[in-house]
Amino acid sequence: MLSTTKKPRDLKVETVKSLTEKINSAKVLAFCNYHGLTVNQLTALRVKIKEAGGELIVAKNTLLARALKISNFLFDSKLAQSEQF
């Protein structure tokens, strides 16, 4: 029996590829800590960013760090794990 679902590793590879493409085509990248926001607040933020021509993406730190490395961005991964990020 063949399974049509993708393996977790394949999904991660696709995510990193997608993030890398978005990073390379972006004019500006902004990072923020969204912890503590309600779903309504996060949705409102997403709408405002979209109205301004942007896109809000939530990604795992490790996958984002890989995409940034592939894109030759200098990024301190310890910063992403800190409370101030």
C-alpha atoms as a PDB file:
ATOM      1  CA  MET A   1       0.000   0.000   0.000  1.00  0.00           C
ATOM      2  CA  LEU A   2       1.445   3.347  -1.058  1.00  0.00           C
ATOM      3  CA  SER A   3       1.136   6.326   1.214  1.00  0.00           C
ATOM      4  CA  THR A   4       0.530   9.738  -0.329  1.00  0.00           C
ATOM      5  CA  THR A   5       1.425  11.627   2.836  1.00  0.00           C
ATOM      6  CA  LYS A   6       4.838  13.199   3.074  1.00  0.00           C
ATOM      7  CA  LYS A   7       7.368  12.244   5.683  1.00  0.00           C
ATOM      8  CA  PRO A   8       8.226  14.826   8.347  1.00  0.00           C
ATOM      9  CA  ARG A   9      11.737  15.257   6.927  1.00  0.00           C
ATOM     10  CA  ASP A  10      10.342  15.969   3.454  1.00  0.00           C
ATOM     11  CA  LEU A  11       8.020  18.594   4.913  1.00  0.00           C
ATOM     12  CA  LYS A  12      10.939  20.227   6.717  1.00  0.00           C
ATOM     13  CA  VAL A  13      13.008  20.303   3.525  1.00  0.00           C
ATOM     14  CA  GLU A  14      10.103  21.943   1.691  1.00  0.00           C
ATOM     15  CA  THR A  15       9.642  24.466   4.512  1.00  0.00           C
ATOM     16  CA  VAL A  16      13.328  25.432   4.454  1.00  0.00           C
ATOM     17  CA  LYS A  17      13.196  25.775   0.654  1.00  0.00           C
ATOM     18  CA  SER A  18      10.104  27.986   0.858  1.00  0.00           C
ATOM     19  CA  LEU A  19      11.596  30.136   3.624  1.00  0.00           C
ATOM     20  CA  THR A  20      14.852  30.500   1.675  1.00  0.00           C
ATOM     21  CA  GLU A  21      12.953  31.707  -1.404  1.00  0.00           C
ATOM     22  CA  LYS A  22      10.988  34.211   0.670  1.00  0.00           C
ATOM     23  CA  ILE A  23      14.153  35.468   2.408  1.00  0.00           C
ATOM     24  CA  ASN A  24      15.978  35.908  -0.897  1.00  0.00           C
ATOM     25  CA  SER A  25      13.094  37.869  -2.443  1.00  0.00           C
ATOM     26  CA  ALA A  26      12.323  40.005   0.612  1.00  0.00           C
ATOM     27  CA  LYS A  27      13.207  43.681   0.801  1.00  0.00           C
ATOM     28  CA  VAL A  28      12.963  43.662   4.602  1.00  0.00           C
ATOM     29  CA  LEU A  29      12.952  40.949   7.250  1.00  0.00           C
ATOM     30  CA  ALA A  30      11.597  41.563  10.731  1.00  0.00           C
ATOM     31  CA  PHE A  31      11.597  39.123  13.623  1.00  0.00           C
ATOM     32  CA  CYS A  32       9.413  39.272  16.691  1.00  0.00           C
ATOM     33  CA  ASN A  33       8.338  37.298  19.708  1.00  0.00           C
ATOM     34  CA  TYR A  34       4.596  36.756  19.430  1.00  0.00           C
ATOM     35  CA  HIS A  35       4.195  34.831  22.697  1.00  0.00           C
ATOM     36  CA  GLY A  36       1.426  36.239  24.829  1.00  0.00           C
ATOM     37  CA  LEU A  37      -0.661  37.471  21.904  1.00  0.00           C
ATOM     38  CA  THR A  38      -4.156  36.105  21.601  1.00  0.00           C
ATOM     39  CA  VAL A  39      -5.331  34.489  18.366  1.00  0.00           C
ATOM     40  CA  ASN A  40      -7.376  37.617  17.621  1.00  0.00           C
ATOM     41  CA  GLN A  41      -4.368  39.880  18.165  1.00  0.00           C
ATOM     42  CA  LEU A  42      -2.138  37.716  15.962  1.00  0.00           C
ATOM     43  CA  THR A  43      -4.820  37.645  13.256  1.00  0.00           C
ATOM     44  CA  ALA A  44      -5.170  41.433  13.409  1.00  0.00           C
ATOM     45  CA  LEU A  45      -1.379  41.789  13.133  1.00  0.00           C
ATOM     46  CA  ARG A  46      -1.343  39.431  10.135  1.00  0.00           C
ATOM     47  CA  VAL A  47      -4.087  41.510   8.436  1.00  0.00           C
ATOM     48  CA  LYS A  48      -2.251  44.811   9.015  1.00  0.00           C
ATOM     49  CA  ILE A  49       1.006  43.386   7.684  1.00  0.00           C
ATOM     50  CA  LYS A  50      -0.797  42.035   4.604  1.00  0.00           C
ATOM     51  CA  GLU A  51      -2.466  45.429   4.017  1.00  0.00           C
ATOM     52  CA  ALA A  52       1.010  46.969   4.026  1.00  0.00           C
ATOM     53  CA  GLY A  53       2.148  44.479   1.377  1.00  0.00           C
ATOM     54  CA  GLY A  54       3.939  42.113   3.718  1.00  0.00           C
ATOM     55  CA  GLU A  55       3.529  38.611   5.009  1.00  0.00           C
ATOM     56  CA  LEU A  56       3.621  37.223   8.533  1.00  0.00           C
ATOM     57  CA  ILE A  57       5.168  33.769   8.735  1.00  0.00           C
ATOM     58  CA  VAL A  58       5.477  31.625  11.837  1.00  0.00           C
ATOM     59  CA  ALA A  59       8.344  29.137  11.567  1.00  0.00           C
ATOM     60  CA  LYS A  60      10.380  26.901  13.813  1.00  0.00           C
ATOM     61  CA  ASN A  61      13.640  28.548  14.876  1.00  0.00           C
ATOM     62  CA  THR A  62      15.766  25.661  13.598  1.00  0.00           C
ATOM     63  CA  LEU A  63      14.184  25.693  10.140  1.00  0.00           C
ATOM     64  CA  LEU A  64      14.433  29.477   9.937  1.00  0.00           C
ATOM     65  CA  ALA A  65      18.091  29.330  10.993  1.00  0.00           C
ATOM     66  CA  ARG A  66      18.809  26.851   8.169  1.00  0.00           C
ATOM     67  CA  ALA A  67      17.053  29.032   5.618  1.00  0.00           C
ATOM     68  CA  LEU A  68      18.953  32.106   6.812  1.00  0.00           C
ATOM     69  CA  LYS A  69      22.254  30.223   6.585  1.00  0.00           C
ATOM     70  CA  ILE A  70      21.467  29.061   3.039  1.00  0.00           C
ATOM     71  CA  SER A  71      20.648  32.700   2.177  1.00  0.00           C
ATOM     72  CA  ASN A  72      24.014  33.822   3.617  1.00  0.00           C
ATOM     73  CA  PHE A  73      22.387  35.866   6.380  1.00  0.00           C
ATOM     74  CA  LEU A  74      24.394  36.379   9.521  1.00  0.00           C
ATOM     75  CA  PHE A  75      22.064  35.492  12.360  1.00  0.00           C
ATOM     76  CA  ASP A  76      22.821  34.631  15.966  1.00  0.00           C
ATOM     77  CA  SER A  77      20.675  31.577  16.693  1.00  0.00           C
ATOM     78  CA  LYS A  78      21.082  32.188  20.441  1.00  0.00           C
ATOM     79  CA  LEU A  79      19.176  35.443  19.975  1.00  0.00           C
ATOM     80  CA  ALA A  80      16.166  33.544  18.644  1.00  0.00           C
ATOM     81  CA  GLN A  81      16.054  31.484  21.824  1.00  0.00           C
ATOM     82  CA  SER A  82      16.221  34.467  24.147  1.00  0.00           C
ATOM     83  CA  GLU A  83      13.288  36.238  25.773  1.00  0.00           C
ATOM     84  CA  GLN A  84      14.219  39.487  24.021  1.00  0.00           C
ATOM     85  CA  PHE A  85      13.681  38.065  20.541  1.00  0.00           C
END
